[in-house]
PDB file of N, CA and C in Angstrom:
ATOM      1  N   UNK A   1      94.522 119.808  84.594  1.00  0.00           N
ATOM      2  CA  UNK A   1      95.211 120.492  85.675  1.00  0.00           C
ATOM      3  C   UNK A   1      95.760 121.830  85.198  1.00  0.00           C
ATOM      4  N   UNK A   2      96.376 121.825  84.030  1.00  0.00           N
ATOM      5  CA  UNK A   2      96.934 123.059  83.489  1.00  0.00           C
ATOM      6  C   UNK A   2      95.864 124.106  83.231  1.00  0.00           C
ATOM      7  N   UNK A   3      94.691 123.643  82.787  1.00  0.00           N
ATOM      8  CA  UNK A   3      93.580 124.558  82.542  1.00  0.00           C
ATOM      9  C   UNK A   3      93.110 125.235  83.814  1.00  0.00           C
ATOM     10  N   UNK A   4      93.102 124.483  84.902  1.00  0.00           N
ATOM     11  CA  UNK A   4      92.669 125.040  86.179  1.00  0.00           C
ATOM     12  C   UNK A   4      93.670 126.089  86.675  1.00  0.00           C
ATOM     13  N   UNK A   5      94.950 125.798  86.515  1.00  0.00           N
ATOM     14  CA  UNK A   5      95.986 126.757  86.925  1.00  0.00           C
ATOM     15  C   UNK A   5      95.858 128.029  86.098  1.00  0.00           C
ATOM     16  N   UNK A   6      95.703 127.879  84.781  1.00  0.00           N
ATOM     17  CA  UNK A   6      95.558 129.036  83.895  1.00  0.00           C
ATOM     18  C   UNK A   6      94.330 129.860  84.282  1.00  0.00           C
ATOM     19  N   UNK A   7      93.228 129.199  84.592  1.00  0.00           N
ATOM     20  CA  UNK A   7      92.007 129.906  84.977  1.00  0.00           C
ATOM     21  C   UNK A   7      92.237 130.707  86.253  1.00  0.00           C
ATOM     22  N   UNK A   8      92.897 130.114  87.247  1.00  0.00           N
ATOM     23  CA  UNK A   8      93.175 130.817  88.505  1.00  0.00           C
ATOM     24  C   UNK A   8      94.053 132.043  88.286  1.00  0.00           C
ATOM     25  N   UNK A   9      95.071 131.911  87.449  1.00  0.00           N
ATOM     26  CA  UNK A   9      95.960 133.041  87.156  1.00  0.00           C
ATOM     27  C   UNK A   9      95.185 134.135  86.436  1.00  0.00           C
ATOM     28  N   UNK A  10      94.379 133.744  85.459  1.00  0.00           N
ATOM     29  CA  UNK A  10      93.579 134.697  84.684  1.00  0.00           C
ATOM     30  C   UNK A  10      92.618 135.465  85.596  1.00  0.00           C
ATOM     31  N   UNK A  11      91.919 134.756  86.462  1.00  0.00           N
ATOM     32  CA  UNK A  11      90.970 135.398  87.377  1.00  0.00           C
ATOM     33  C   UNK A  11      91.698 136.328  88.334  1.00  0.00           C
ATOM     34  N   UNK A  12      92.851 135.907  88.828  1.00  0.00           N
ATOM     35  CA  UNK A  12      93.623 136.746  89.751  1.00  0.00           C
ATOM     36  C   UNK A  12      93.985 138.081  89.108  1.00  0.00           C
ATOM     37  N   UNK A  13      94.413 138.061  87.843  1.00  0.00           N
ATOM     38  CA  UNK A  13      94.747 139.302  87.147  1.00  0.00           C
ATOM     39  C   UNK A  13      93.510 140.145  86.883  1.00  0.00           C
ATOM     40  N   UNK A  14      92.408 139.504  86.503  1.00  0.00           N
ATOM     41  CA  UNK A  14      91.175 140.244  86.210  1.00  0.00           C
ATOM     42  C   UNK A  14      90.653 140.971  87.447  1.00  0.00           C
ATOM     43  N   UNK A  15      90.619 140.295  88.573  1.00  0.00           N
ATOM     44  CA  UNK A  15      90.064 140.931  89.769  1.00  0.00           C
ATOM     45  C   UNK A  15      90.993 142.005  90.322  1.00  0.00           C
ATOM     46  N   UNK A  16      92.298 141.800  90.161  1.00  0.00           N
ATOM     47  CA  UNK A  16      93.252 142.817  90.620  1.00  0.00           C
ATOM     48  C   UNK A  16      93.099 144.082  89.777  1.00  0.00           C
ATOM     49  N   UNK A  17      92.903 143.919  88.477  1.00  0.00           N
ATOM     50  CA  UNK A  17      92.736 145.059  87.581  1.00  0.00           C
ATOM     51  C   UNK A  17      91.465 145.840  87.904  1.00  0.00           C
ATOM     52  N   UNK A  18      90.456 145.171  88.416  1.00  0.00           N
ATOM     53  CA  UNK A  18      89.184 145.830  88.735  1.00  0.00           C
ATOM     54  C   UNK A  18      89.107 146.273  90.188  1.00  0.00           C
ATOM     55  N   UNK A  19      90.162 146.033  90.970  1.00  0.00           N
ATOM     56  CA  UNK A  19      90.179 146.457  92.362  1.00  0.00           C
ATOM     57  C   UNK A  19      89.319 145.612  93.283  1.00  0.00           C
ATOM     58  N   UNK A  20      89.096 144.371  92.918  1.00  0.00           N
ATOM     59  CA  UNK A  20      88.267 143.470  93.717  1.00  0.00           C
ATOM     60  C   UNK A  20      89.170 142.582  94.556  1.00  0.00           C
ATOM     61  N   UNK A  21      88.807 142.389  95.827  1.00  0.00           N
ATOM     62  CA  UNK A  21      89.540 141.455  96.675  1.00  0.00           C
ATOM     63  C   UNK A  21      88.859 140.101  96.590  1.00  0.00           C
ATOM     64  N   UNK A  22      89.637 139.061  96.468  1.00  0.00           N
ATOM     65  CA  UNK A  22      89.080 137.709  96.393  1.00  0.00           C
ATOM     66  C   UNK A  22      89.755 136.828  97.425  1.00  0.00           C
ATOM     67  N   UNK A  23      88.998 135.882  97.968  1.00  0.00           N
ATOM     68  CA  UNK A  23      89.539 134.929  98.919  1.00  0.00           C
ATOM     69  C   UNK A  23      89.012 133.557  98.529  1.00  0.00           C
ATOM     70  N   UNK A  24      89.900 132.633  98.332  1.00  0.00           N
ATOM     71  CA  UNK A  24      89.508 131.285  97.967  1.00  0.00           C
ATOM     72  C   UNK A  24      89.267 130.472  99.227  1.00  0.00           C
ATOM     73  N   UNK A  25      88.227 129.670  99.216  1.00  0.00           N
ATOM     74  CA  UNK A  25      87.905 128.818 100.354  1.00  0.00           C
ATOM     75  C   UNK A  25      87.858 127.383  99.860  1.00  0.00           C
ATOM     76  N   UNK A  26      88.671 126.526 100.435  1.00  0.00           N
ATOM     77  CA  UNK A  26      88.634 125.108 100.120  1.00  0.00           C
ATOM     78  C   UNK A  26      87.597 124.442 101.012  1.00  0.00           C
ATOM     79  N   UNK A  27      86.933 123.420 100.513  1.00  0.00           N
ATOM     80  CA  UNK A  27      85.906 122.731 101.284  1.00  0.00           C
ATOM     81  C   UNK A  27      86.395 122.248 102.630  1.00  0.00           C
ATOM     82  N   UNK A  28      87.616 121.753 102.687  1.00  0.00           N
ATOM     83  CA  UNK A  28      88.143 121.245 103.955  1.00  0.00           C
ATOM     84  C   UNK A  28      88.430 122.362 104.952  1.00  0.00           C
ATOM     85  N   UNK A  29      88.598 123.580 104.470  1.00  0.00           N
ATOM     86  CA  UNK A  29      88.872 124.688 105.388  1.00  0.00           C
ATOM     87  C   UNK A  29      87.609 125.181 106.087  1.00  0.00           C
ATOM     88  N   UNK A  30      86.442 124.699 105.676  1.00  0.00           N
ATOM     89  CA  UNK A  30      85.181 125.114 106.292  1.00  0.00           C
ATOM     90  C   UNK A  30      84.939 124.462 107.645  1.00  0.00           C
ATOM     91  N   UNK A  31      85.705 123.451 107.976  1.00  0.00           N
ATOM     92  CA  UNK A  31      85.455 122.682 109.190  1.00  0.00           C
ATOM     93  C   UNK A  31      85.541 123.539 110.445  1.00  0.00           C
ATOM     94  N   UNK A  32      86.548 124.349 110.555  1.00  0.00           N
ATOM     95  CA  UNK A  32      86.778 125.088 111.802  1.00  0.00           C
ATOM     96  C   UNK A  32      86.816 126.597 111.606  1.00  0.00           C
ATOM     97  N   UNK A  33      85.858 127.147 110.870  1.00  0.00           N
ATOM     98  CA  UNK A  33      85.819 128.604 110.772  1.00  0.00           C
ATOM     99  C   UNK A  33      84.381 129.105 110.738  1.00  0.00           C
ATOM    100  N   UNK A  34      84.237 130.417 110.749  1.00  0.00           N
ATOM    101  CA  UNK A  34      82.907 131.024 110.849  1.00  0.00           C
ATOM    102  C   UNK A  34      82.047 130.813 109.607  1.00  0.00           C
ATOM    103  N   UNK A  35      82.653 130.537 108.468  1.00  0.00           N
ATOM    104  CA  UNK A  35      81.882 130.332 107.244  1.00  0.00           C
ATOM    105  C   UNK A  35      80.986 129.106 107.372  1.00  0.00           C
ATOM    106  N   UNK A  36      81.506 128.024 107.934  1.00  0.00           N
ATOM    107  CA  UNK A  36      80.686 126.816 108.080  1.00  0.00           C
ATOM    108  C   UNK A  36      79.504 127.062 109.003  1.00  0.00           C
ATOM    109  N   UNK A  37      79.688 127.842 110.048  1.00  0.00           N
ATOM    110  CA  UNK A  37      78.587 128.168 110.960  1.00  0.00           C
ATOM    111  C   UNK A  37      77.512 128.958 110.229  1.00  0.00           C
ATOM    112  N   UNK A  38      77.922 129.932 109.448  1.00  0.00           N
ATOM    113  CA  UNK A  38      76.964 130.753 108.704  1.00  0.00           C
ATOM    114  C   UNK A  38      76.207 129.907 107.689  1.00  0.00           C
ATOM    115  N   UNK A  39      76.910 129.047 106.964  1.00  0.00           N
ATOM    116  CA  UNK A  39      76.261 128.237 105.928  1.00  0.00           C
ATOM    117  C   UNK A  39      75.388 127.154 106.535  1.00  0.00           C
ATOM    118  N   UNK A  40      75.975 126.308 107.363  1.00  0.00           N
ATOM    119  CA  UNK A  40      75.284 125.091 107.791  1.00  0.00           C
ATOM    120  C   UNK A  40      74.340 125.288 108.972  1.00  0.00           C
ATOM    121  N   UNK A  41      74.649 126.178 109.887  1.00  0.00           N
ATOM    122  CA  UNK A  41      73.764 126.368 111.038  1.00  0.00           C
ATOM    123  C   UNK A  41      72.752 127.483 110.780  1.00  0.00           C
ATOM    124  N   UNK A  42      73.243 128.640 110.325  1.00  0.00           N
ATOM    125  CA  UNK A  42      72.369 129.801 110.188  1.00  0.00           C
ATOM    126  C   UNK A  42      71.516 129.769 108.922  1.00  0.00           C
ATOM    127  N   UNK A  43      72.117 129.465 107.776  1.00  0.00           N
ATOM    128  CA  UNK A  43      71.376 129.527 106.515  1.00  0.00           C
ATOM    129  C   UNK A  43      70.702 128.217 106.136  1.00  0.00           C
ATOM    130  N   UNK A  44      71.485 127.165 105.984  1.00  0.00           N
ATOM    131  CA  UNK A  44      70.982 125.937 105.375  1.00  0.00           C
ATOM    132  C   UNK A  44      69.887 125.259 106.185  1.00  0.00           C
ATOM    133  N   UNK A  45      70.016 125.223 107.487  1.00  0.00           N
ATOM    134  CA  UNK A  45      68.999 124.588 108.326  1.00  0.00           C
ATOM    135  C   UNK A  45      67.638 125.236 108.120  1.00  0.00           C
ATOM    136  N   UNK A  46      67.603 126.550 108.148  1.00  0.00           N
ATOM    137  CA  UNK A  46      66.345 127.277 107.973  1.00  0.00           C
ATOM    138  C   UNK A  46      65.844 127.173 106.532  1.00  0.00           C
ATOM    139  N   UNK A  47      66.737 127.299 105.560  1.00  0.00           N
ATOM    140  CA  UNK A  47      66.336 127.246 104.151  1.00  0.00           C
ATOM    141  C   UNK A  47      65.749 125.888 103.787  1.00  0.00           C
ATOM    142  N   UNK A  48      66.318 124.807 104.305  1.00  0.00           N
ATOM    143  CA  UNK A  48      65.761 123.474 104.051  1.00  0.00           C
ATOM    144  C   UNK A  48      64.389 123.325 104.698  1.00  0.00           C
ATOM    145  N   UNK A  49      64.238 123.819 105.922  1.00  0.00           N
ATOM    146  CA  UNK A  49      62.954 123.722 106.626  1.00  0.00           C
ATOM    147  C   UNK A  49      61.863 124.513 105.913  1.00  0.00           C
ATOM    148  N   UNK A  50      62.215 125.685 105.372  1.00  0.00           N
ATOM    149  CA  UNK A  50      61.247 126.530 104.676  1.00  0.00           C
ATOM    150  C   UNK A  50      60.984 126.069 103.251  1.00  0.00           C
ATOM    151  N   UNK A  51      61.869 125.241 102.710  1.00  0.00           N
ATOM    152  CA  UNK A  51      61.735 124.798 101.328  1.00  0.00           C
ATOM    153  C   UNK A  51      62.298 125.781 100.318  1.00  0.00           C
ATOM    154  N   UNK A  52      63.024 126.812 100.784  1.00  0.00           N
ATOM    155  CA  UNK A  52      63.621 127.770  99.856  1.00  0.00           C
ATOM    156  C   UNK A  52      64.928 127.251  99.258  1.00  0.00           C
ATOM    157  N   UNK A  53      65.505 126.227  99.858  1.00  0.00           N
ATOM    158  CA  UNK A  53      66.673 125.530  99.305  1.00  0.00           C
ATOM    159  C   UNK A  53      66.284 124.074  99.157  1.00  0.00           C
ATOM    160  N   UNK A  54      66.277 123.601  97.927  1.00  0.00           N
ATOM    161  CA  UNK A  54      65.848 122.228  97.662  1.00  0.00           C
ATOM    162  C   UNK A  54      67.009 121.466  97.040  1.00  0.00           C
ATOM    163  N   UNK A  55      67.495 120.407  97.699  1.00  0.00           N
ATOM    164  CA  UNK A  55      68.558 119.596  97.100  1.00  0.00           C
ATOM    165  C   UNK A  55      68.068 119.007  95.782  1.00  0.00           C
ATOM    166  N   UNK A  56      68.887 119.100  94.768  1.00  0.00           N
ATOM    167  CA  UNK A  56      68.449 118.627  93.463  1.00  0.00           C
ATOM    168  C   UNK A  56      69.640 118.064  92.712  1.00  0.00           C
ATOM    169  N   UNK A  57      69.519 117.063  91.931  1.00  0.00           N
ATOM    170  CA  UNK A  57      68.303 116.284  91.701  1.00  0.00           C
ATOM    171  C   UNK A  57      67.995 115.393  92.899  1.00  0.00           C
ATOM    172  N   UNK A  58      66.765 114.982  92.985  1.00  0.00           N
ATOM    173  CA  UNK A  58      66.355 114.091  94.063  1.00  0.00           C
ATOM    174  C   UNK A  58      66.990 112.719  93.906  1.00  0.00           C
ATOM    175  N   UNK A  59      67.053 111.945  94.976  1.00  0.00           N
ATOM    176  CA  UNK A  59      67.662 110.615  94.894  1.00  0.00           C
ATOM    177  C   UNK A  59      66.815 109.638  94.090  1.00  0.00           C
ATOM    178  N   UNK A  60      67.470 108.696  93.444  1.00  0.00           N
ATOM    179  CA  UNK A  60      66.804 107.629  92.705  1.00  0.00           C
ATOM    180  C   UNK A  60      67.320 106.318  93.278  1.00  0.00           C
ATOM    181  N   UNK A  61      66.466 105.565  93.923  1.00  0.00           N
ATOM    182  CA  UNK A  61      66.859 104.284  94.503  1.00  0.00           C
ATOM    183  C   UNK A  61      66.822 103.244  93.394  1.00  0.00           C
ATOM    184  N   UNK A  62      67.981 102.632  93.108  1.00  0.00           N
ATOM    185  CA  UNK A  62      68.063 101.673  92.009  1.00  0.00           C
ATOM    186  C   UNK A  62      67.836 100.239  92.459  1.00  0.00           C
ATOM    187  N   UNK A  63      67.834 100.010  93.734  1.00  0.00           N
ATOM    188  CA  UNK A  63      67.620  98.656  94.226  1.00  0.00           C
ATOM    189  C   UNK A  63      68.130  98.509  95.640  1.00  0.00           C
ATOM    190  N   UNK A  64      68.188  97.274  96.084  1.00  0.00           N
ATOM    191  CA  UNK A  64      68.593  96.997  97.454  1.00  0.00           C
ATOM    192  C   UNK A  64      69.723  95.977  97.445  1.00  0.00           C
ATOM    193  N   UNK A  65      70.746  96.217  98.279  1.00  0.00           N
ATOM    194  CA  UNK A  65      71.836  95.267  98.399  1.00  0.00           C
ATOM    195  C   UNK A  65      73.118  95.742  97.748  1.00  0.00           C
ATOM    196  N   UNK A  66      74.198  95.061  98.129  1.00  0.00           N
ATOM    197  CA  UNK A  66      75.522  95.428  97.621  1.00  0.00           C
ATOM    198  C   UNK A  66      75.653  95.233  96.118  1.00  0.00           C
ATOM    199  N   UNK A  67      74.909  94.313  95.545  1.00  0.00           N
ATOM    200  CA  UNK A  67      75.008  94.077  94.106  1.00  0.00           C
ATOM    201  C   UNK A  67      74.521  95.274  93.288  1.00  0.00           C
ATOM    202  N   UNK A  68      73.837  96.218  93.902  1.00  0.00           N
ATOM    203  CA  UNK A  68      73.338  97.405  93.199  1.00  0.00           C
ATOM    204  C   UNK A  68      74.293  98.597  93.291  1.00  0.00           C
ATOM    205  N   UNK A  69      75.399  98.453  94.024  1.00  0.00           N
ATOM    206  CA  UNK A  69      76.329  99.567  94.202  1.00  0.00           C
ATOM    207  C   UNK A  69      76.868 100.066  92.867  1.00  0.00           C
ATOM    208  N   UNK A  70      77.296  99.174  91.991  1.00  0.00           N
ATOM    209  CA  UNK A  70      77.854  99.598  90.709  1.00  0.00           C
ATOM    210  C   UNK A  70      76.834 100.397  89.909  1.00  0.00           C
ATOM    211  N   UNK A  71      75.609  99.950  89.898  1.00  0.00           N
ATOM    212  CA  UNK A  71      74.549 100.663  89.181  1.00  0.00           C
ATOM    213  C   UNK A  71      74.283 102.031  89.812  1.00  0.00           C
ATOM    214  N   UNK A  72      74.447 102.104  91.125  1.00  0.00           N
ATOM    215  CA  UNK A  72      74.171 103.356  91.835  1.00  0.00           C
ATOM    216  C   UNK A  72      75.230 104.424  91.574  1.00  0.00           C
ATOM    217  N   UNK A  73      76.434 104.016  91.163  1.00  0.00           N
ATOM    218  CA  UNK A  73      77.515 104.974  90.926  1.00  0.00           C
ATOM    219  C   UNK A  73      77.383 105.567  89.532  1.00  0.00           C
ATOM    220  N   UNK A  74      76.837 106.756  89.449  1.00  0.00           N
ATOM    221  CA  UNK A  74      76.666 107.415  88.157  1.00  0.00           C
ATOM    222  C   UNK A  74      76.696 108.923  88.367  1.00  0.00           C
ATOM    223  N   UNK A  75      76.519 109.675  87.297  1.00  0.00           N
ATOM    224  CA  UNK A  75      76.527 111.132  87.399  1.00  0.00           C
ATOM    225  C   UNK A  75      75.289 111.650  88.117  1.00  0.00           C
ATOM    226  N   UNK A  76      74.237 110.891  88.130  1.00  0.00           N
ATOM    227  CA  UNK A  76      73.018 111.282  88.835  1.00  0.00           C
ATOM    228  C   UNK A  76      73.097 110.790  90.269  1.00  0.00           C
ATOM    229  N   UNK A  77      72.441 111.491  91.149  1.00  0.00           N
ATOM    230  CA  UNK A  77      72.435 111.090  92.557  1.00  0.00           C
ATOM    231  C   UNK A  77      71.558 109.852  92.683  1.00  0.00           C
ATOM    232  N   UNK A  78      72.206 108.699  92.742  1.00  0.00           N
ATOM    233  CA  UNK A  78      71.514 107.418  92.786  1.00  0.00           C
ATOM    234  C   UNK A  78      71.883 106.724  94.087  1.00  0.00           C
ATOM    235  N   UNK A  79      70.923 106.075  94.722  1.00  0.00           N
ATOM    236  CA  UNK A  79      71.143 105.463  96.025  1.00  0.00           C
ATOM    237  C   UNK A  79      70.712 104.011  96.002  1.00  0.00           C
ATOM    238  N   UNK A  80      71.524 103.134  96.599  1.00  0.00           N
ATOM    239  CA  UNK A  80      71.142 101.734  96.805  1.00  0.00           C
ATOM    240  C   UNK A  80      70.972 101.541  98.302  1.00  0.00           C
ATOM    241  N   UNK A  81      69.790 101.132  98.730  1.00  0.00           N
ATOM    242  CA  UNK A  81      69.570 100.914 100.158  1.00  0.00           C
ATOM    243  C   UNK A  81      70.163  99.582 100.568  1.00  0.00           C
ATOM    244  N   UNK A  82      70.657  99.506 101.777  1.00  0.00           N
ATOM    245  CA  UNK A  82      71.251  98.263 102.281  1.00  0.00           C
ATOM    246  C   UNK A  82      70.378  97.669 103.353  1.00  0.00           C
TER     247      UNK A  82
END
């Protein structure tokens, strides 16, 4: 936590010294503003259809059923079908 605070303070001073304006956006703030429309409706829909944006890594199905949930929880995108 302390490292994250220090990084934010450091970046704030660096960008101010260079005359750059910065605006932080939290993921939850995307729900009701124009940024979410630009990303999810205008850009991402078309990019996925064209194949210019590819979700990665691809899913790995480890098995079927609730007993596979623990195995599915890892750093890799792993899915257990129900």
